[in-house]
Amino acid sequence: MSPTRSRRTRVQPGTLVFAFEVTACVLGLAVLAFGPWRLGIGMLGAVLLVGALARTVLPERHSGLLRVRRATSDVLVTTGMGTVLLVLAYLIPDRPPLP
């Protein structure tokens, strides 16, 4: 017989932020595929920066699925990737329309 759990486990705030990030990334990829690509890339970059901010603000015990490595490396990698995506979306020129 297994003991029954009388206590419910709570979802950590970091896991909720991670779920938001995954959902927003899927929406960003859909916009990227079927709409204006700059907006889709901008959404992906912004979501990465929000994740980096959440990883910075949340304590280690509440970081949930955001925790992959140490906080410093998580924040540096996600901030770098988000910044690069936003800069590329801003700097790449539009293609001239086809005649």
PDB file of N, CA and C in Angstrom:
ATOM      1  N   MET A   1       0.836  -1.176   0.000  1.00  0.00           N
ATOM      2  CA  MET A   1       0.000   0.000   0.000  1.00  0.00           C
ATOM      3  C   MET A   1       0.879   1.238   0.000  1.00  0.00           C
ATOM      4  N   SER A   2       0.507   2.158  -0.815  1.00  0.00           N
ATOM      5  CA  SER A   2       1.251   3.406  -0.837  1.00  0.00           C
ATOM      6  C   SER A   2       0.549   4.429   0.034  1.00  0.00           C
ATOM      7  N   PRO A   3       1.334   5.230   0.733  1.00  0.00           N
ATOM      8  CA  PRO A   3       0.711   6.247   1.588  1.00  0.00           C
ATOM      9  C   PRO A   3       0.042   7.314   0.721  1.00  0.00           C
ATOM     10  N   THR A   4      -1.084   7.768   1.178  1.00  0.00           N
ATOM     11  CA  THR A   4      -1.793   8.817   0.433  1.00  0.00           C
ATOM     12  C   THR A   4      -1.228  10.169   0.814  1.00  0.00           C
ATOM     13  N   ARG A   5      -1.265  11.039  -0.138  1.00  0.00           N
ATOM     14  CA  ARG A   5      -0.765  12.391   0.121  1.00  0.00           C
ATOM     15  C   ARG A   5      -1.928  13.271   0.540  1.00  0.00           C
ATOM     16  N   SER A   6      -1.810  13.835   1.688  1.00  0.00           N
ATOM     17  CA  SER A   6      -2.853  14.746   2.141  1.00  0.00           C
ATOM     18  C   SER A   6      -2.531  16.182   1.734  1.00  0.00           C
ATOM     19  N   ARG A   7      -1.304  16.407   1.356  1.00  0.00           N
ATOM     20  CA  ARG A   7      -0.870  17.754   0.996  1.00  0.00           C
ATOM     21  C   ARG A   7      -0.723  17.856  -0.508  1.00  0.00           C
ATOM     22  N   ARG A   8      -1.250  18.925  -1.086  1.00  0.00           N
ATOM     23  CA  ARG A   8      -1.104  19.134  -2.518  1.00  0.00           C
ATOM     24  C   ARG A   8       0.203  19.856  -2.786  1.00  0.00           C
ATOM     25  N   THR A   9       0.844  19.491  -3.880  1.00  0.00           N
ATOM     26  CA  THR A   9       2.080  20.163  -4.248  1.00  0.00           C
ATOM     27  C   THR A   9       1.744  21.426  -5.027  1.00  0.00           C
ATOM     28  N   ARG A  10       2.439  22.503  -4.718  1.00  0.00           N
ATOM     29  CA  ARG A  10       2.216  23.770  -5.395  1.00  0.00           C
ATOM     30  C   ARG A  10       3.138  23.892  -6.588  1.00  0.00           C
ATOM     31  N   VAL A  11       2.644  24.552  -7.608  1.00  0.00           N
ATOM     32  CA  VAL A  11       3.459  24.818  -8.783  1.00  0.00           C
ATOM     33  C   VAL A  11       4.345  26.019  -8.468  1.00  0.00           C
ATOM     34  N   GLN A  12       5.621  25.884  -8.772  1.00  0.00           N
ATOM     35  CA  GLN A  12       6.559  26.964  -8.487  1.00  0.00           C
ATOM     36  C   GLN A  12       6.374  28.099  -9.478  1.00  0.00           C
ATOM     37  N   PRO A  13       6.612  29.345  -9.051  1.00  0.00           N
ATOM     38  CA  PRO A  13       6.449  30.492  -9.948  1.00  0.00           C
ATOM     39  C   PRO A  13       7.316  30.394 -11.201  1.00  0.00           C
ATOM     40  N   GLY A  14       8.500  29.845 -11.076  1.00  0.00           N
ATOM     41  CA  GLY A  14       9.370  29.699 -12.233  1.00  0.00           C
ATOM     42  C   GLY A  14       8.784  28.776 -13.284  1.00  0.00           C
ATOM     43  N   THR A  15       8.054  27.762 -12.837  1.00  0.00           N
ATOM     44  CA  THR A  15       7.406  26.852 -13.776  1.00  0.00           C
ATOM     45  C   THR A  15       6.286  27.568 -14.518  1.00  0.00           C
ATOM     46  N   LEU A  16       5.557  28.439 -13.834  1.00  0.00           N
ATOM     47  CA  LEU A  16       4.513  29.230 -14.503  1.00  0.00           C
ATOM     48  C   LEU A  16       5.123  30.184 -15.525  1.00  0.00           C
ATOM     49  N   VAL A  17       6.253  30.797 -15.187  1.00  0.00           N
ATOM     50  CA  VAL A  17       6.936  31.680 -16.131  1.00  0.00           C
ATOM     51  C   VAL A  17       7.414  30.878 -17.328  1.00  0.00           C
ATOM     52  N   PHE A  18       7.916  29.682 -17.083  1.00  0.00           N
ATOM     53  CA  PHE A  18       8.368  28.825 -18.171  1.00  0.00           C
ATOM     54  C   PHE A  18       7.205  28.454 -19.101  1.00  0.00           C
ATOM     55  N   ALA A  19       6.048  28.150 -18.530  1.00  0.00           N
ATOM     56  CA  ALA A  19       4.867  27.832 -19.344  1.00  0.00           C
ATOM     57  C   ALA A  19       4.460  29.037 -20.190  1.00  0.00           C
ATOM     58  N   PHE A  20       4.519  30.242 -19.605  1.00  0.00           N
ATOM     59  CA  PHE A  20       4.243  31.459 -20.373  1.00  0.00           C
ATOM     60  C   PHE A  20       5.252  31.616 -21.503  1.00  0.00           C
ATOM     61  N   GLU A  21       6.516  31.369 -21.228  1.00  0.00           N
ATOM     62  CA  GLU A  21       7.553  31.502 -22.247  1.00  0.00           C
ATOM     63  C   GLU A  21       7.339  30.539 -23.404  1.00  0.00           C
ATOM     64  N   VAL A  22       7.009  29.306 -23.098  1.00  0.00           N
ATOM     65  CA  VAL A  22       6.791  28.320 -24.158  1.00  0.00           C
ATOM     66  C   VAL A  22       5.593  28.726 -25.015  1.00  0.00           C
ATOM     67  N   THR A  23       4.520  29.156 -24.370  1.00  0.00           N
ATOM     68  CA  THR A  23       3.334  29.596 -25.109  1.00  0.00           C
ATOM     69  C   THR A  23       3.645  30.803 -25.984  1.00  0.00           C
ATOM     70  N   ALA A  24       4.347  31.779 -25.430  1.00  0.00           N
ATOM     71  CA  ALA A  24       4.693  32.973 -26.201  1.00  0.00           C
ATOM     72  C   ALA A  24       5.656  32.644 -27.336  1.00  0.00           C
ATOM     73  N   CYS A  25       6.561  31.698 -27.129  1.00  0.00           N
ATOM     74  CA  CYS A  25       7.476  31.295 -28.207  1.00  0.00           C
ATOM     75  C   CYS A  25       6.719  30.615 -29.341  1.00  0.00           C
ATOM     76  N   VAL A  26       5.742  29.786 -29.013  1.00  0.00           N
ATOM     77  CA  VAL A  26       4.933  29.150 -30.055  1.00  0.00           C
ATOM     78  C   VAL A  26       4.171  30.212 -30.843  1.00  0.00           C
ATOM     79  N   LEU A  27       3.613  31.192 -30.148  1.00  0.00           N
ATOM     80  CA  LEU A  27       2.930  32.291 -30.852  1.00  0.00           C
ATOM     81  C   LEU A  27       3.906  33.086 -31.709  1.00  0.00           C
ATOM     82  N   GLY A  28       5.089  33.353 -31.192  1.00  0.00           N
ATOM     83  CA  GLY A  28       6.105  34.066 -31.957  1.00  0.00           C
ATOM     84  C   GLY A  28       6.534  33.304 -33.198  1.00  0.00           C
ATOM     85  N   LEU A  29       6.664  31.985 -33.080  1.00  0.00           N
ATOM     86  CA  LEU A  29       7.017  31.168 -34.243  1.00  0.00           C
ATOM     87  C   LEU A  29       5.891  31.150 -35.270  1.00  0.00           C
ATOM     88  N   ALA A  30       4.637  31.162 -34.802  1.00  0.00           N
ATOM     89  CA  ALA A  30       3.508  31.221 -35.728  1.00  0.00           C
ATOM     90  C   ALA A  30       3.489  32.559 -36.471  1.00  0.00           C
ATOM     91  N   VAL A  31       3.746  33.646 -35.751  1.00  0.00           N
ATOM     92  CA  VAL A  31       3.821  34.963 -36.400  1.00  0.00           C
ATOM     93  C   VAL A  31       4.992  34.987 -37.370  1.00  0.00           C
ATOM     94  N   LEU A  32       6.094  34.420 -36.980  1.00  0.00           N
ATOM     95  CA  LEU A  32       7.272  34.368 -37.843  1.00  0.00           C
ATOM     96  C   LEU A  32       6.980  33.604 -39.135  1.00  0.00           C
ATOM     97  N   ALA A  33       6.246  32.511 -39.030  1.00  0.00           N
ATOM     98  CA  ALA A  33       5.972  31.680 -40.202  1.00  0.00           C
ATOM     99  C   ALA A  33       4.896  32.277 -41.111  1.00  0.00           C
ATOM    100  N   PHE A  34       3.879  32.897 -40.525  1.00  0.00           N
ATOM    101  CA  PHE A  34       2.719  33.304 -41.324  1.00  0.00           C
ATOM    102  C   PHE A  34       2.482  34.805 -41.362  1.00  0.00           C
ATOM    103  N   GLY A  35       3.279  35.590 -40.683  1.00  0.00           N
ATOM    104  CA  GLY A  35       3.056  37.025 -40.634  1.00  0.00           C
ATOM    105  C   GLY A  35       4.341  37.785 -40.831  1.00  0.00           C
ATOM    106  N   PRO A  36       4.393  38.999 -40.309  1.00  0.00           N
ATOM    107  CA  PRO A  36       5.608  39.800 -40.435  1.00  0.00           C
ATOM    108  C   PRO A  36       6.754  39.195 -39.608  1.00  0.00           C
ATOM    109  N   TRP A  37       7.833  38.866 -40.282  1.00  0.00           N
ATOM    110  CA  TRP A  37       8.917  38.144 -39.615  1.00  0.00           C
ATOM    111  C   TRP A  37       9.578  38.970 -38.523  1.00  0.00           C
ATOM    112  N   ARG A  38       9.656  40.296 -38.703  1.00  0.00           N
ATOM    113  CA  ARG A  38      10.280  41.131 -37.661  1.00  0.00           C
ATOM    114  C   ARG A  38       9.520  41.056 -36.343  1.00  0.00           C
ATOM    115  N   LEU A  39       8.202  41.045 -36.438  1.00  0.00           N
ATOM    116  CA  LEU A  39       7.392  40.945 -35.226  1.00  0.00           C
ATOM    117  C   LEU A  39       7.612  39.601 -34.543  1.00  0.00           C
ATOM    118  N   GLY A  40       7.680  38.516 -35.329  1.00  0.00           N
ATOM    119  CA  GLY A  40       7.907  37.193 -34.751  1.00  0.00           C
ATOM    120  C   GLY A  40       9.258  37.081 -34.068  1.00  0.00           C
ATOM    121  N   ILE A  41      10.306  37.582 -34.731  1.00  0.00           N
ATOM    122  CA  ILE A  41      11.643  37.564 -34.128  1.00  0.00           C
ATOM    123  C   ILE A  41      11.681  38.455 -32.893  1.00  0.00           C
ATOM    124  N   GLY A  42      11.019  39.605 -32.967  1.00  0.00           N
ATOM    125  CA  GLY A  42      10.955  40.503 -31.809  1.00  0.00           C
ATOM    126  C   GLY A  42      10.254  39.857 -30.630  1.00  0.00           C
ATOM    127  N   MET A  43       9.185  39.106 -30.923  1.00  0.00           N
ATOM    128  CA  MET A  43       8.482  38.401 -29.841  1.00  0.00           C
ATOM    129  C   MET A  43       9.391  37.360 -29.188  1.00  0.00           C
ATOM    130  N   LEU A  44      10.117  36.616 -30.002  1.00  0.00           N
ATOM    131  CA  LEU A  44      11.023  35.603 -29.451  1.00  0.00           C
ATOM    132  C   LEU A  44      12.115  36.244 -28.589  1.00  0.00           C
ATOM    133  N   GLY A  45      12.695  37.340 -29.076  1.00  0.00           N
ATOM    134  CA  GLY A  45      13.720  38.032 -28.304  1.00  0.00           C
ATOM    135  C   GLY A  45      13.184  38.586 -26.997  1.00  0.00           C
ATOM    136  N   ALA A  46      11.979  39.164 -27.063  1.00  0.00           N
ATOM    137  CA  ALA A  46      11.380  39.725 -25.850  1.00  0.00           C
ATOM    138  C   ALA A  46      11.060  38.634 -24.833  1.00  0.00           C
ATOM    139  N   VAL A  47      10.596  37.491 -25.302  1.00  0.00           N
ATOM    140  CA  VAL A  47      10.287  36.384 -24.388  1.00  0.00           C
ATOM    141  C   VAL A  47      11.556  35.893 -23.696  1.00  0.00           C
ATOM    142  N   LEU A  48      12.649  35.823 -24.418  1.00  0.00           N
ATOM    143  CA  LEU A  48      13.914  35.414 -23.797  1.00  0.00           C
ATOM    144  C   LEU A  48      14.363  36.428 -22.745  1.00  0.00           C
ATOM    145  N   LEU A  49      14.175  37.704 -23.025  1.00  0.00           N
ATOM    146  CA  LEU A  49      14.561  38.719 -22.040  1.00  0.00           C
ATOM    147  C   LEU A  49      13.664  38.673 -20.805  1.00  0.00           C
ATOM    148  N   VAL A  50      12.376  38.385 -20.994  1.00  0.00           N
ATOM    149  CA  VAL A  50      11.473  38.234 -19.844  1.00  0.00           C
ATOM    150  C   VAL A  50      11.901  37.036 -19.002  1.00  0.00           C
ATOM    151  N   GLY A  51      12.285  35.945 -19.653  1.00  0.00           N
ATOM    152  CA  GLY A  51      12.768  34.777 -18.915  1.00  0.00           C
ATOM    153  C   GLY A  51      14.039  35.070 -18.138  1.00  0.00           C
ATOM    154  N   ALA A  52      14.936  35.844 -18.746  1.00  0.00           N
ATOM    155  CA  ALA A  52      16.169  36.214 -18.043  1.00  0.00           C
ATOM    156  C   ALA A  52      15.857  37.090 -16.835  1.00  0.00           C
ATOM    157  N   LEU A  53      14.914  37.999 -17.002  1.00  0.00           N
ATOM    158  CA  LEU A  53      14.521  38.854 -15.881  1.00  0.00           C
ATOM    159  C   LEU A  53      13.902  38.025 -14.760  1.00  0.00           C
ATOM    160  N   ALA A  54      13.040  37.086 -15.131  1.00  0.00           N
ATOM    161  CA  ALA A  54      12.413  36.237 -14.116  1.00  0.00           C
ATOM    162  C   ALA A  54      13.459  35.383 -13.402  1.00  0.00           C
ATOM    163  N   ARG A  55      14.421  34.881 -14.137  1.00  0.00           N
ATOM    164  CA  ARG A  55      15.478  34.068 -13.522  1.00  0.00           C
ATOM    165  C   ARG A  55      16.323  34.902 -12.571  1.00  0.00           C
ATOM    166  N   THR A  56      16.481  36.185 -12.890  1.00  0.00           N
ATOM    167  CA  THR A  56      17.232  37.081 -12.015  1.00  0.00           C
ATOM    168  C   THR A  56      16.472  37.385 -10.735  1.00  0.00           C
ATOM    169  N   VAL A  57      15.173  37.613 -10.862  1.00  0.00           N
ATOM    170  CA  VAL A  57      14.359  38.079  -9.731  1.00  0.00           C
ATOM    171  C   VAL A  57      13.962  36.939  -8.797  1.00  0.00           C
ATOM    172  N   LEU A  58      13.613  35.784  -9.367  1.00  0.00           N
ATOM    173  CA  LEU A  58      13.129  34.682  -8.523  1.00  0.00           C
ATOM    174  C   LEU A  58      14.271  34.037  -7.742  1.00  0.00           C
ATOM    175  N   PRO A  59      14.029  33.706  -6.479  1.00  0.00           N
ATOM    176  CA  PRO A  59      15.056  32.983  -5.718  1.00  0.00           C
ATOM    177  C   PRO A  59      15.235  31.567  -6.265  1.00  0.00           C
ATOM    178  N   GLU A  60      16.344  30.975  -5.946  1.00  0.00           N
ATOM    179  CA  GLU A  60      16.705  29.656  -6.482  1.00  0.00           C
ATOM    180  C   GLU A  60      15.640  28.600  -6.192  1.00  0.00           C
ATOM    181  N   ARG A  61      15.070  28.615  -5.017  1.00  0.00           N
ATOM    182  CA  ARG A  61      14.105  27.577  -4.644  1.00  0.00           C
ATOM    183  C   ARG A  61      12.765  27.733  -5.357  1.00  0.00           C
ATOM    184  N   HIS A  62      12.499  28.926  -5.941  1.00  0.00           N
ATOM    185  CA  HIS A  62      11.247  29.165  -6.653  1.00  0.00           C
ATOM    186  C   HIS A  62      11.422  29.222  -8.165  1.00  0.00           C
ATOM    187  N   SER A  63      12.613  28.939  -8.662  1.00  0.00           N
ATOM    188  CA  SER A  63      12.858  29.119 -10.091  1.00  0.00           C
ATOM    189  C   SER A  63      12.295  27.985 -10.944  1.00  0.00           C
ATOM    190  N   GLY A  64      11.994  26.843 -10.374  1.00  0.00           N
ATOM    191  CA  GLY A  64      11.308  25.770 -11.091  1.00  0.00           C
ATOM    192  C   GLY A  64      12.019  25.353 -12.368  1.00  0.00           C
ATOM    193  N   LEU A  65      11.259  25.287 -13.473  1.00  0.00           N
ATOM    194  CA  LEU A  65      11.806  24.841 -14.744  1.00  0.00           C
ATOM    195  C   LEU A  65      12.699  25.875 -15.413  1.00  0.00           C
ATOM    196  N   LEU A  66      12.771  27.075 -14.886  1.00  0.00           N
ATOM    197  CA  LEU A  66      13.715  28.064 -15.422  1.00  0.00           C
ATOM    198  C   LEU A  66      15.150  27.714 -15.067  1.00  0.00           C
ATOM    199  N   ARG A  67      15.315  26.918 -14.023  1.00  0.00           N
ATOM    200  CA  ARG A  67      16.646  26.573 -13.537  1.00  0.00           C
ATOM    201  C   ARG A  67      17.236  25.455 -14.394  1.00  0.00           C
ATOM    202  N   VAL A  68      18.269  25.790 -15.150  1.00  0.00           N
ATOM    203  CA  VAL A  68      18.963  24.799 -15.964  1.00  0.00           C
ATOM    204  C   VAL A  68      20.387  24.632 -15.445  1.00  0.00           C
ATOM    205  N   ARG A  69      21.068  25.747 -15.289  1.00  0.00           N
ATOM    206  CA  ARG A  69      22.436  25.751 -14.759  1.00  0.00           C
ATOM    207  C   ARG A  69      22.451  26.730 -13.582  1.00  0.00           C
ATOM    208  N   ARG A  70      23.593  27.293 -13.322  1.00  0.00           N
ATOM    209  CA  ARG A  70      23.653  28.340 -12.310  1.00  0.00           C
ATOM    210  C   ARG A  70      22.904  29.565 -12.810  1.00  0.00           C
ATOM    211  N   ALA A  71      22.436  30.376 -11.889  1.00  0.00           N
ATOM    212  CA  ALA A  71      21.645  31.552 -12.258  1.00  0.00           C
ATOM    213  C   ALA A  71      22.439  32.490 -13.161  1.00  0.00           C
ATOM    214  N   THR A  72      23.723  32.664 -12.882  1.00  0.00           N
ATOM    215  CA  THR A  72      24.540  33.582 -13.674  1.00  0.00           C
ATOM    216  C   THR A  72      24.608  33.143 -15.129  1.00  0.00           C
ATOM    217  N   SER A  73      24.886  31.878 -15.363  1.00  0.00           N
ATOM    218  CA  SER A  73      24.999  31.419 -16.745  1.00  0.00           C
ATOM    219  C   SER A  73      23.635  31.411 -17.437  1.00  0.00           C
ATOM    220  N   ASP A  74      22.561  31.058 -16.725  1.00  0.00           N
ATOM    221  CA  ASP A  74      21.224  31.111 -17.312  1.00  0.00           C
ATOM    222  C   ASP A  74      20.881  32.517 -17.772  1.00  0.00           C
ATOM    223  N   VAL A  75      21.130  33.483 -16.911  1.00  0.00           N
ATOM    224  CA  VAL A  75      20.790  34.874 -17.233  1.00  0.00           C
ATOM    225  C   VAL A  75      21.657  35.398 -18.372  1.00  0.00           C
ATOM    226  N   LEU A  76      22.951  35.106 -18.347  1.00  0.00           N
ATOM    227  CA  LEU A  76      23.834  35.589 -19.408  1.00  0.00           C
ATOM    228  C   LEU A  76      23.461  35.007 -20.769  1.00  0.00           C
ATOM    229  N   VAL A  77      23.189  33.727 -20.823  1.00  0.00           N
ATOM    230  CA  VAL A  77      22.865  33.084 -22.103  1.00  0.00           C
ATOM    231  C   VAL A  77      21.531  33.593 -22.651  1.00  0.00           C
ATOM    232  N   THR A  78      20.498  33.614 -21.818  1.00  0.00           N
ATOM    233  CA  THR A  78      19.189  34.040 -22.321  1.00  0.00           C
ATOM    234  C   THR A  78      19.161  35.533 -22.639  1.00  0.00           C
ATOM    235  N   THR A  79      19.873  36.351 -21.868  1.00  0.00           N
ATOM    236  CA  THR A  79      19.942  37.780 -22.185  1.00  0.00           C
ATOM    237  C   THR A  79      20.685  37.991 -23.494  1.00  0.00           C
ATOM    238  N   GLY A  80      21.780  37.267 -23.684  1.00  0.00           N
ATOM    239  CA  GLY A  80      22.531  37.397 -24.927  1.00  0.00           C
ATOM    240  C   GLY A  80      21.716  36.984 -26.136  1.00  0.00           C
ATOM    241  N   MET A  81      21.027  35.851 -26.051  1.00  0.00           N
ATOM    242  CA  MET A  81      20.226  35.395 -27.188  1.00  0.00           C
ATOM    243  C   MET A  81      19.059  36.338 -27.471  1.00  0.00           C
ATOM    244  N   GLY A  82      18.393  36.813 -26.429  1.00  0.00           N
ATOM    245  CA  GLY A  82      17.282  37.745 -26.631  1.00  0.00           C
ATOM    246  C   GLY A  82      17.741  39.050 -27.234  1.00  0.00           C
ATOM    247  N   THR A  83      18.866  39.556 -26.770  1.00  0.00           N
ATOM    248  CA  THR A  83      19.402  40.806 -27.304  1.00  0.00           C
ATOM    249  C   THR A  83      19.805  40.650 -28.765  1.00  0.00           C
ATOM    250  N   VAL A  84      20.454  39.548 -29.090  1.00  0.00           N
ATOM    251  CA  VAL A  84      20.862  39.318 -30.481  1.00  0.00           C
ATOM    252  C   VAL A  84      19.643  39.239 -31.395  1.00  0.00           C
ATOM    253  N   LEU A  85      18.598  38.553 -30.976  1.00  0.00           N
ATOM    254  CA  LEU A  85      17.399  38.462 -31.807  1.00  0.00           C
ATOM    255  C   LEU A  85      16.752  39.827 -32.014  1.00  0.00           C
ATOM    256  N   LEU A  86      16.664  40.626 -30.953  1.00  0.00           N
ATOM    257  CA  LEU A  86      16.068  41.956 -31.103  1.00  0.00           C
ATOM    258  C   LEU A  86      16.914  42.853 -31.996  1.00  0.00           C
ATOM    259  N   VAL A  87      18.228  42.795 -31.846  1.00  0.00           N
ATOM    260  CA  VAL A  87      19.111  43.618 -32.680  1.00  0.00           C
ATOM    261  C   VAL A  87      19.022  43.187 -34.140  1.00  0.00           C
ATOM    262  N   LEU A  88      19.007  41.882 -34.389  1.00  0.00           N
ATOM    263  CA  LEU A  88      18.892  41.410 -35.766  1.00  0.00           C
ATOM    264  C   LEU A  88      17.561  41.797 -36.388  1.00  0.00           C
ATOM    265  N   ALA A  89      16.490  41.702 -35.628  1.00  0.00           N
ATOM    266  CA  ALA A  89      15.179  42.096 -36.161  1.00  0.00           C
ATOM    267  C   ALA A  89      15.154  43.577 -36.509  1.00  0.00           C
ATOM    268  N   TYR A  90      15.891  44.369 -35.773  1.00  0.00           N
ATOM    269  CA  TYR A  90      15.916  45.812 -36.024  1.00  0.00           C
ATOM    270  C   TYR A  90      16.860  46.172 -37.165  1.00  0.00           C
ATOM    271  N   LEU A  91      17.995  45.506 -37.270  1.00  0.00           N
ATOM    272  CA  LEU A  91      19.031  45.914 -38.203  1.00  0.00           C
ATOM    273  C   LEU A  91      18.917  45.330 -39.626  1.00  0.00           C
ATOM    274  N   ILE A  92      18.338  44.156 -39.783  1.00  0.00           N
ATOM    275  CA  ILE A  92      18.267  43.546 -41.102  1.00  0.00           C
ATOM    276  C   ILE A  92      17.294  44.349 -41.968  1.00  0.00           C
ATOM    277  N   PRO A  93      17.752  44.818 -43.119  1.00  0.00           N
ATOM    278  CA  PRO A  93      16.875  45.626 -43.961  1.00  0.00           C
ATOM    279  C   PRO A  93      15.801  44.765 -44.651  1.00  0.00           C
ATOM    280  N   ASP A  94      14.710  45.431 -44.979  1.00  0.00           N
ATOM    281  CA  ASP A  94      13.654  44.727 -45.720  1.00  0.00           C
ATOM    282  C   ASP A  94      14.119  44.491 -47.149  1.00  0.00           C
ATOM    283  N   ARG A  95      13.604  43.441 -47.715  1.00  0.00           N
ATOM    284  CA  ARG A  95      13.890  43.139 -49.105  1.00  0.00           C
ATOM    285  C   ARG A  95      13.023  44.054 -49.974  1.00  0.00           C
ATOM    286  N   PRO A  96      13.564  44.576 -51.041  1.00  0.00           N
ATOM    287  CA  PRO A  96      12.716  45.377 -51.904  1.00  0.00           C
ATOM    288  C   PRO A  96      11.618  44.497 -52.529  1.00  0.00           C
ATOM    289  N   PRO A  97      10.454  45.062 -52.754  1.00  0.00           N
ATOM    290  CA  PRO A  97       9.380  44.247 -53.313  1.00  0.00           C
ATOM    291  C   PRO A  97       9.745  43.759 -54.716  1.00  0.00           C
ATOM    292  N   LEU A  98       9.244  42.589 -55.039  1.00  0.00           N
ATOM    293  CA  LEU A  98       9.496  42.021 -56.359  1.00  0.00           C
ATOM    294  C   LEU A  98       8.681  42.776 -57.411  1.00  0.00           C
ATOM    295  N   PRO A  99       9.257  42.971 -58.612  1.00  0.00           N
ATOM    296  CA  PRO A  99       8.515  43.712 -59.642  1.00  0.00           C
ATOM    297  C   PRO A  99       7.354  42.943 -60.209  1.00  0.00           C
TER     298      PRO A  99
END
